[in-house]
Amino acid sequence: MLGQRMFPWVAGCGLVLALASCGPAAPATGGMEKTAAAAPMWTAPVGGPVYAVPQVQGGKLYVTTTQGKGDNVYALDLMRGTTAWKAATGGAIGIPPTVNGNFLFIASDVGSVHYLRAFDRRTGRLLWAYTRNKAPQCMCSHPSQVGGGLVFALTDGHSLYAFEPQKGKRVWRFPGDRAKLTAPVVVAGMVVFGSQDHRVYGLDAATGEVRWIQTTGYAFDAAPRVYRGLVVLGNRGGTVHAYWAADGHPVWSFATGGAITAPVAVRPGTVFVSSADRQVYAVDAVSGKKRWSAAMADASPYAPVPSGSLVLAASQDGHLYAFRAADGQRAWRRDLGGTPTSAPVPSGGVVYQRVGDHAVAAVRIATGRLLWVYRTSAVLTAPAAARGMAFVGTSTGAVLALMGPGKMAS
C-alpha cells in the first residue's frame, strides 16, 4: 500500500540499526558501535527505480524515477508517504527535480527529443514544456538552476539555456566551446560559471552576452559560490579564485596542495575548501588568507558542510569528521563502516550520510555519536532530511522515510 506506515520495531525491506544504549558519547575513532534493529517509518512504492535525491519543500517530498513509461514524477506527503499527485513525462529521469517557489522543473528525454517541463508543485499541473530536437545533447544530465528570475538548463554540460519561468520562453543561449560548464550562479545582474576550458565566464543575465572572462591554468568542475558580490570557486589545479561578479576583477586566490573538484562552502566571513591533498581549509572570504587547515587520513571529494560551530567533512578513509569552525581543531571522528558516497546532510542536530551504495548512517552532530545505520540490498540515493527523518529512494522502486526507533517525527 502506498505510503504504508510501519512500526519502528518491525523489520521492513532493510534494517535500521540503532544504538541499544544511552548516555553521553565520546568522540571515538574506533569501529562501528553495537546496534539493534528497527525499520523505516513509511515506505512508498513509486513504480520505478529512484537514483536521484528526493527534494523536500513545503511538507512534500518530490521524487523522480527512471521509469520511461507511465507516471515517473511523484509528490509524496512528508509525514505519511501518501501520494499527493503524480505525473508522467514520457521519458526516464535520472536527475533530481528543481523546486523553486511553486514551480517544479524537470528535464527528461525520449530518444533524441529532449524536454524541460515546469509543473505546479502544489497540484502537479503541467505549466509548460520546452522541446529540443537536436541530438545528442540533452538537458537531462544536470539539474536545472534558478536565479535572477531565470531558469537555467545545461545541455550535457556544454551549452547553457536561460528560460523565463512563467511561460517557458527561451531568453538566450550560450553555446560554449564543447567544454563542460559548471552550474551557474546569478549575482549583481551577472550569470557566472566555470568551464573545463580553464575559464570563468560572466554573462549579462538579461541578454546572455559575455561581459567578462578570466582564464586560469586548470579546469573547473564545481559551481561557484557567492559571498557579498564575490564569486568563489576552485579548480583542478588546487587553487581557489575569488572574482567580483560585476566585472570579473580578481580579488584573491588561495593555493592548496591538491585538486579541488567540489564546490567551496561559504558562511559569513569564511570560505571552506576540501582539497585532494587530504586537507580541509578555512580561508578568509575577504582577503583570501588562510585561517586554518585540518588533516584527514584521506581526501574528501565532497564539499565541506558548515553546521553550527562545526564543519563536517566526509573522507574516503571511511570516516565522518567534525572540525571546529573557529580554529579547525577536530571535535570528533566517526567510523562509518564504509566509504562515504555523498556529502553530509545535516538537519535538526543530526547529520545523515550515505555509505557505499546500500547504507545510510545518522550521527549526532554535537557529539559524533552514531544513532543508527540503515542497510539494505537495494541501491540507495543520497539522503534528503527534514523533521527528524531521512528520505531515500531505492533501485527497487520505493521511497523510504528513516528514523531511529522510538522516535517521533516533528
Protein backbone atom coordinates (compact mmCIF):
# COMPACT_ATOMS: atom_id res chain seq x y z
CA MET A 1 0.00 0.00 0.00
CA LEU A 2 1.33 3.38 -0.97
CA GLY A 3 2.64 5.24 2.00
CA GLN A 4 2.19 2.24 4.29
CA ARG A 5 3.22 3.17 7.85
CA MET A 6 5.30 0.60 9.73
CA PHE A 7 6.00 0.40 13.45
CA PRO A 8 9.62 1.34 14.22
CA TRP A 9 10.45 -2.05 15.73
CA VAL A 10 9.12 -4.19 12.86
CA ALA A 11 11.60 -5.21 10.15
CA GLY A 12 10.96 -3.73 6.70
CA CYS A 13 12.73 -4.02 3.37
CA GLY A 14 16.04 -3.33 5.10
CA LEU A 15 17.36 -2.74 8.58
CA VAL A 16 17.75 0.44 10.55
CA LEU A 17 20.44 -0.30 13.13
CA ALA A 18 20.06 1.89 16.21
CA LEU A 19 22.12 2.24 19.36
CA ALA A 20 20.94 -0.03 22.13
CA SER A 21 22.48 2.05 24.90
CA CYS A 22 22.05 5.66 26.00
CA GLY A 23 24.29 8.15 27.75
CA PRO A 24 26.95 10.64 26.74
CA ALA A 25 29.02 9.77 23.70
CA ALA A 26 32.77 10.02 23.45
CA PRO A 27 34.35 11.16 20.17
CA ALA A 28 35.51 7.61 19.50
CA THR A 29 37.52 6.81 16.41
CA GLY A 30 37.34 3.02 16.52
CA GLY A 31 34.99 0.53 14.88
CA MET A 32 31.23 0.62 14.49
CA GLU A 33 29.26 0.59 17.73
CA LYS A 34 26.91 -2.21 18.75
CA THR A 35 23.45 -1.69 17.27
CA ALA A 36 19.90 -3.07 17.36
CA ALA A 37 17.34 -3.43 14.58
CA ALA A 38 14.39 -1.23 13.60
CA ALA A 39 12.52 -0.32 10.39
CA PRO A 40 11.50 2.64 8.19
CA MET A 41 8.68 4.88 9.37
CA TRP A 42 6.99 4.53 5.99
CA THR A 43 7.63 3.04 2.56
CA ALA A 44 6.11 4.43 -0.64
CA PRO A 45 6.30 2.42 -3.91
CA VAL A 46 6.81 4.74 -6.90
CA GLY A 47 6.75 2.34 -9.85
CA GLY A 48 10.36 2.65 -10.96
CA PRO A 49 13.97 2.88 -9.75
CA VAL A 50 14.91 6.10 -7.96
CA TYR A 51 18.50 7.24 -8.47
CA ALA A 52 18.06 10.99 -7.93
CA VAL A 53 17.97 12.54 -4.46
CA PRO A 54 14.38 13.36 -3.37
CA GLN A 55 13.67 17.06 -2.82
CA VAL A 56 11.82 18.48 0.21
CA GLN A 57 9.61 21.56 0.02
CA GLY A 58 6.50 22.71 1.86
CA GLY A 59 5.57 19.44 3.54
CA LYS A 60 6.04 17.41 0.35
CA LEU A 61 8.74 15.11 -0.97
CA TYR A 62 9.31 15.34 -4.74
CA VAL A 63 10.65 12.21 -6.40
CA THR A 64 11.63 11.29 -9.97
CA THR A 65 12.15 7.78 -11.32
CA THR A 66 13.88 6.21 -14.32
CA GLN A 67 10.59 4.63 -15.35
CA GLY A 68 10.24 5.51 -19.03
CA LYS A 69 6.53 4.73 -19.34
CA GLY A 70 3.70 5.81 -17.05
CA ASP A 71 3.98 8.04 -14.03
CA ASN A 72 7.53 8.95 -13.06
CA VAL A 73 7.14 12.17 -11.04
CA TYR A 74 5.65 11.92 -7.55
CA ALA A 75 4.73 14.36 -4.81
CA LEU A 76 4.54 12.49 -1.51
CA ASP A 77 3.26 13.64 1.85
CA LEU A 78 6.33 14.10 4.02
CA MET A 79 4.83 12.58 7.17
CA ARG A 80 2.79 9.69 5.73
CA GLY A 81 4.30 8.87 2.33
CA THR A 82 0.91 9.04 0.62
CA THR A 83 0.77 10.35 -2.94
CA ALA A 84 -0.44 13.94 -3.27
CA TRP A 85 -0.11 13.79 -7.06
CA LYS A 86 1.83 12.04 -9.79
CA ALA A 87 2.62 12.80 -13.42
CA ALA A 88 4.22 11.28 -16.50
CA THR A 89 6.94 12.84 -18.64
CA GLY A 90 7.22 10.08 -21.24
CA GLY A 91 10.96 9.62 -20.64
CA ALA A 92 13.32 8.39 -17.97
CA ILE A 93 14.52 10.92 -15.37
CA GLY A 94 17.92 10.46 -13.79
CA ILE A 95 18.42 13.81 -12.06
CA PRO A 96 16.68 15.48 -9.12
CA PRO A 97 13.80 17.86 -9.81
CA THR A 98 14.41 21.54 -9.16
CA VAL A 99 11.95 23.08 -6.71
CA ASN A 100 11.60 26.86 -6.61
CA GLY A 101 8.59 28.65 -5.16
CA ASN A 102 5.53 26.98 -6.61
CA PHE A 103 7.45 25.60 -9.59
CA LEU A 104 8.86 22.12 -10.12
CA PHE A 105 11.28 21.93 -13.07
CA ILE A 106 12.11 18.54 -14.58
CA ALA A 107 14.28 17.57 -17.56
CA SER A 108 13.81 14.26 -19.39
CA ASP A 109 14.35 12.81 -22.84
CA VAL A 110 12.73 10.35 -25.22
CA GLY A 111 15.26 9.20 -27.80
CA SER A 112 16.65 12.31 -29.48
CA VAL A 113 13.82 14.54 -28.22
CA HIS A 114 14.67 16.43 -25.04
CA TYR A 115 12.27 18.22 -22.71
CA LEU A 116 12.32 20.74 -19.91
CA ARG A 117 8.98 20.89 -18.12
CA ALA A 118 7.53 23.10 -15.43
CA PHE A 119 4.84 21.76 -13.09
CA ASP A 120 2.82 23.46 -10.40
CA ARG A 121 4.41 21.73 -7.40
CA ARG A 122 1.18 22.02 -5.39
CA THR A 123 -1.13 20.30 -7.88
CA GLY A 124 1.07 18.57 -10.46
CA ARG A 125 -0.47 20.61 -13.28
CA LEU A 126 1.82 20.94 -16.29
CA LEU A 127 2.53 24.65 -16.84
CA TRP A 128 4.77 24.48 -19.89
CA ALA A 129 7.18 22.24 -21.78
CA TYR A 130 10.19 23.21 -23.86
CA THR A 131 11.17 20.72 -26.56
CA ARG A 132 14.62 20.38 -28.10
CA ASN A 133 15.02 18.04 -31.07
CA LYS A 134 18.76 18.24 -31.62
CA ALA A 135 20.79 15.13 -30.82
CA PRO A 136 22.81 14.11 -28.97
CA GLN A 137 22.97 16.75 -26.23
CA CYS A 138 20.09 16.52 -23.79
CA MET A 139 19.05 18.70 -20.85
CA CYS A 140 18.67 15.66 -18.62
CA SER A 141 22.20 15.25 -17.28
CA HIS A 142 22.35 18.22 -14.90
CA PRO A 143 19.70 19.62 -12.53
CA SER A 144 18.17 22.90 -13.62
CA GLN A 145 19.21 26.03 -11.73
CA VAL A 146 17.09 29.03 -10.79
CA GLY A 147 18.34 32.55 -10.15
CA GLY A 148 17.78 36.17 -11.07
CA GLY A 149 14.26 35.43 -12.33
CA LEU A 150 15.52 32.82 -14.81
CA VAL A 151 15.64 29.05 -15.12
CA PHE A 152 18.88 27.59 -16.47
CA ALA A 153 19.42 24.25 -18.19
CA LEU A 154 22.73 22.72 -19.26
CA THR A 155 22.78 20.52 -22.37
CA ASP A 156 25.06 17.67 -21.32
CA GLY A 157 27.08 20.38 -19.63
CA HIS A 158 28.28 22.04 -22.83
CA SER A 159 25.70 24.75 -23.55
CA LEU A 160 23.65 26.93 -21.24
CA TYR A 161 19.99 27.85 -21.85
CA ALA A 162 18.07 30.53 -19.96
CA PHE A 163 14.26 30.44 -19.74
CA GLU A 164 11.58 32.73 -18.39
CA PRO A 165 9.96 30.57 -15.65
CA GLN A 166 6.32 31.64 -16.04
CA LYS A 167 5.74 30.62 -19.67
CA GLY A 168 8.93 28.76 -20.55
CA LYS A 169 10.10 31.20 -23.22
CA ARG A 170 13.76 30.77 -24.07
CA VAL A 171 15.51 34.05 -23.33
CA TRP A 172 19.01 33.27 -24.54
CA ARG A 173 21.54 30.51 -25.18
CA PHE A 174 25.27 30.37 -24.52
CA PRO A 175 26.73 27.84 -27.00
CA GLY A 176 30.04 27.20 -25.21
CA ASP A 177 33.06 25.71 -26.96
CA ARG A 178 32.39 21.99 -26.37
CA ALA A 179 33.97 22.14 -22.91
CA LYS A 180 31.73 21.19 -19.99
CA LEU A 181 30.37 24.03 -17.89
CA THR A 182 29.65 24.14 -14.18
CA ALA A 183 26.23 25.06 -12.87
CA PRO A 184 25.78 28.86 -12.88
CA VAL A 185 25.10 31.37 -10.14
CA VAL A 186 23.40 34.73 -10.58
CA VAL A 187 24.66 37.82 -8.73
CA ALA A 188 24.80 41.54 -9.49
CA GLY A 189 22.96 41.06 -12.77
CA MET A 190 25.55 38.56 -13.99
CA VAL A 191 25.42 34.82 -14.66
CA VAL A 192 28.75 33.33 -13.62
CA PHE A 193 30.08 29.79 -14.15
CA GLY A 194 33.32 27.91 -14.62
CA SER A 195 34.33 25.68 -17.51
CA GLN A 196 36.65 22.81 -18.23
CA ASP A 197 38.30 25.10 -20.79
CA HIS A 198 40.09 26.65 -17.74
CA ARG A 199 37.94 29.78 -17.83
CA VAL A 200 35.40 31.57 -15.68
CA TYR A 201 32.63 33.39 -17.58
CA GLY A 202 30.44 36.33 -16.62
CA LEU A 203 27.33 36.78 -18.79
CA ASP A 204 24.76 39.55 -18.75
CA ALA A 205 21.73 37.91 -17.11
CA ALA A 206 19.26 39.81 -19.31
CA THR A 207 20.87 39.11 -22.71
CA GLY A 208 23.35 36.26 -22.30
CA GLU A 209 26.15 38.39 -23.73
CA VAL A 210 29.63 37.66 -22.42
CA ARG A 211 30.76 40.58 -20.24
CA TRP A 212 33.98 39.16 -18.88
CA ILE A 213 36.24 36.10 -18.98
CA GLN A 214 39.02 35.07 -16.63
CA THR A 215 41.46 32.37 -17.71
CA THR A 216 43.33 30.10 -15.30
CA GLY A 217 45.62 27.16 -15.92
CA TYR A 218 43.19 24.41 -14.91
CA ALA A 219 39.65 23.15 -15.45
CA PHE A 220 36.71 23.96 -13.20
CA ASP A 221 34.39 21.11 -12.18
CA ALA A 222 32.27 22.67 -9.44
CA ALA A 223 29.84 25.58 -9.41
CA PRO A 224 30.82 28.93 -7.88
CA ARG A 225 29.56 30.12 -4.53
CA VAL A 226 28.66 33.72 -3.71
CA TYR A 227 29.81 35.99 -0.90
CA ARG A 228 28.91 39.70 -0.88
CA GLY A 229 29.26 40.26 -4.61
CA LEU A 230 32.19 37.85 -4.94
CA VAL A 231 32.05 34.55 -6.81
CA VAL A 232 34.37 31.92 -5.34
CA LEU A 233 35.34 28.63 -6.97
CA GLY A 234 38.20 26.13 -7.03
CA ASN A 235 39.85 24.31 -9.93
CA ARG A 236 41.70 21.08 -10.60
CA GLY A 237 45.00 22.87 -10.09
CA GLY A 238 44.11 23.22 -6.42
CA THR A 239 43.57 27.00 -6.42
CA VAL A 240 40.52 28.84 -5.13
CA HIS A 241 39.73 32.01 -7.08
CA ALA A 242 37.55 34.93 -6.00
CA TYR A 243 36.27 37.47 -8.54
CA TRP A 244 33.94 40.42 -8.40
CA ALA A 245 30.83 39.16 -10.14
CA ALA A 246 30.02 42.55 -11.66
CA ASP A 247 33.20 42.92 -13.72
CA GLY A 248 35.30 39.79 -13.20
CA HIS A 249 38.09 41.64 -11.42
CA PRO A 250 40.32 39.16 -9.48
CA VAL A 251 40.16 39.80 -5.73
CA TRP A 252 42.24 36.96 -4.33
CA SER A 253 43.44 33.42 -4.92
CA PHE A 254 44.43 30.69 -2.49
CA ALA A 255 46.52 27.63 -3.37
CA THR A 256 46.03 24.21 -1.80
CA GLY A 257 48.16 21.14 -2.42
CA GLY A 258 45.66 19.13 -4.47
CA ALA A 259 42.80 19.30 -6.96
CA ILE A 260 39.51 20.92 -5.94
CA THR A 261 36.57 19.19 -7.57
CA ALA A 262 33.73 20.06 -5.17
CA PRO A 263 32.13 23.45 -4.53
CA VAL A 264 33.52 25.52 -1.71
CA ALA A 265 31.25 26.23 1.25
CA VAL A 266 30.64 29.80 2.39
CA ARG A 267 29.48 31.15 5.72
CA PRO A 268 29.80 34.76 6.92
CA GLY A 269 33.43 35.75 6.59
CA THR A 270 34.85 32.32 5.77
CA VAL A 271 35.26 30.01 2.78
CA PHE A 272 35.72 26.29 3.49
CA VAL A 273 37.51 24.10 0.94
CA SER A 274 38.06 20.35 0.51
CA SER A 275 41.22 19.51 -1.42
CA ALA A 276 42.68 16.30 -2.81
CA ASP A 277 45.69 16.92 -0.55
CA ARG A 278 43.58 15.42 2.30
CA GLN A 279 43.03 18.78 3.94
CA VAL A 280 40.06 20.95 4.78
CA TYR A 281 40.89 24.66 4.65
CA ALA A 282 39.26 27.73 6.13
CA VAL A 283 40.04 30.89 4.15
CA ASP A 284 39.13 34.49 4.96
CA ALA A 285 36.39 35.38 2.47
CA VAL A 286 37.57 38.99 2.11
CA SER A 287 41.36 38.68 2.00
CA GLY A 288 41.88 35.08 0.85
CA LYS A 289 44.30 34.41 3.72
CA LYS A 290 44.37 31.01 5.38
CA ARG A 291 42.72 30.83 8.79
CA TRP A 292 43.42 27.16 9.38
CA SER A 293 43.82 23.77 7.75
CA ALA A 294 42.88 20.37 9.15
CA ALA A 295 44.18 16.99 8.02
CA MET A 296 42.24 13.81 7.32
CA ALA A 297 43.52 10.30 6.61
CA ASP A 298 42.21 10.58 3.05
CA ALA A 299 40.67 13.21 0.80
CA SER A 300 37.03 14.20 0.59
CA PRO A 301 35.52 14.53 -2.91
CA TYR A 302 32.57 16.44 -1.41
CA ALA A 303 32.13 19.99 -0.25
CA PRO A 304 32.66 20.58 3.47
CA VAL A 305 29.39 21.37 5.26
CA PRO A 306 29.23 24.04 7.99
CA SER A 307 26.74 23.17 10.75
CA GLY A 308 26.55 25.44 13.77
CA SER A 309 30.01 25.75 15.31
CA LEU A 310 31.36 22.75 13.37
CA VAL A 311 32.41 21.94 9.81
CA LEU A 312 31.61 18.41 8.60
CA ALA A 313 33.68 16.51 6.02
CA ALA A 314 33.14 13.01 4.61
CA SER A 315 36.51 11.38 3.96
CA GLN A 316 37.33 8.49 1.66
CA ASP A 317 39.03 6.83 4.64
CA GLY A 318 35.57 5.76 5.82
CA HIS A 319 35.15 8.41 8.50
CA LEU A 320 33.00 11.46 9.03
CA TYR A 321 35.00 14.33 10.53
CA ALA A 322 33.83 17.34 12.50
CA PHE A 323 36.19 20.31 12.87
CA ARG A 324 35.62 23.43 14.94
CA ALA A 325 34.80 26.24 12.52
CA ALA A 326 36.65 28.80 14.65
CA ASP A 327 40.08 27.15 14.73
CA GLY A 328 40.00 23.85 12.82
CA GLN A 329 40.52 21.63 15.88
CA ARG A 330 38.98 18.21 15.41
CA ALA A 331 35.85 17.81 17.54
CA TRP A 332 35.26 14.16 16.65
CA ARG A 333 35.76 11.48 14.01
CA ARG A 334 33.14 8.82 13.38
CA ASP A 335 33.88 5.46 11.75
CA LEU A 336 31.11 4.83 9.22
CA GLY A 337 31.98 1.23 8.44
CA GLY A 338 32.36 2.02 4.74
CA THR A 339 33.23 4.72 2.23
CA PRO A 340 31.04 7.86 2.24
CA THR A 341 29.35 8.34 -1.14
CA SER A 342 27.62 11.68 -0.62
CA ALA A 343 28.15 14.98 1.09
CA PRO A 344 26.96 15.09 4.72
CA VAL A 345 23.33 16.22 5.14
CA PRO A 346 22.75 17.98 8.49
CA SER A 347 19.24 18.55 9.83
CA GLY A 348 17.89 19.09 13.33
CA GLY A 349 21.12 18.30 15.15
CA VAL A 350 21.72 15.07 13.20
CA VAL A 351 23.90 14.53 10.13
CA TYR A 352 22.83 11.87 7.61
CA GLN A 353 25.46 10.21 5.46
CA ARG A 354 25.23 7.76 2.58
CA VAL A 355 27.77 4.94 3.00
CA GLY A 356 28.66 2.83 -0.02
CA ASP A 357 25.67 2.07 -2.24
CA HIS A 358 23.49 0.32 0.31
CA ALA A 359 23.57 2.18 3.63
CA VAL A 360 22.73 5.48 5.33
CA ALA A 361 24.11 6.46 8.75
CA ALA A 362 22.77 9.01 11.24
CA VAL A 363 25.25 10.73 13.59
CA ARG A 364 24.61 13.23 16.40
CA ILE A 365 26.38 16.43 15.32
CA ALA A 366 27.21 17.71 18.80
CA THR A 367 28.96 14.54 19.95
CA GLY A 368 29.71 12.32 16.95
CA ARG A 369 27.55 9.59 18.47
CA LEU A 370 26.27 7.03 15.96
CA LEU A 371 22.46 6.95 16.21
CA TRP A 372 21.59 4.36 13.60
CA VAL A 373 22.63 2.78 10.31
CA TYR A 374 20.14 1.61 7.70
CA ARG A 375 21.33 -1.20 5.42
CA THR A 376 19.58 -2.89 2.51
CA SER A 377 20.42 -4.89 -0.61
CA ALA A 378 18.94 -2.16 -2.83
CA VAL A 379 20.99 0.76 -4.09
CA LEU A 380 20.05 3.91 -2.15
CA THR A 381 20.16 7.55 -3.16
CA ALA A 382 21.90 10.13 -1.03
CA PRO A 383 19.50 11.24 1.71
CA ALA A 384 17.30 14.29 1.97
CA ALA A 385 16.38 15.30 5.51
CA ALA A 386 13.58 17.17 7.31
CA ARG A 387 11.51 16.93 10.51
CA GLY A 388 13.74 14.37 12.17
CA MET A 389 13.68 11.96 9.24
CA ALA A 390 15.96 10.99 6.36
CA PHE A 391 14.38 10.22 2.99
CA VAL A 392 16.00 7.96 0.39
CA GLY A 393 14.99 6.46 -2.92
CA THR A 394 15.84 2.87 -3.86
CA SER A 395 16.77 0.99 -7.02
CA THR A 396 13.81 -1.30 -6.34
CA GLY A 397 11.27 1.48 -6.88
CA ALA A 398 10.47 2.77 -3.41
CA VAL A 399 11.00 5.81 -1.22
CA LEU A 400 11.75 5.30 2.47
CA ALA A 401 11.42 7.58 5.49
CA LEU A 402 14.09 6.61 8.03
CA MET A 403 14.11 7.41 11.73
CA GLY A 404 15.63 5.91 14.86
CA PRO A 405 13.45 3.50 16.88
CA GLY A 406 11.13 5.02 19.42
CA LYS A 407 11.39 8.50 17.86
CA MET A 408 8.54 10.71 16.73
CA ALA A 409 8.68 12.91 13.64
CA SER A 410 8.46 16.63 14.30
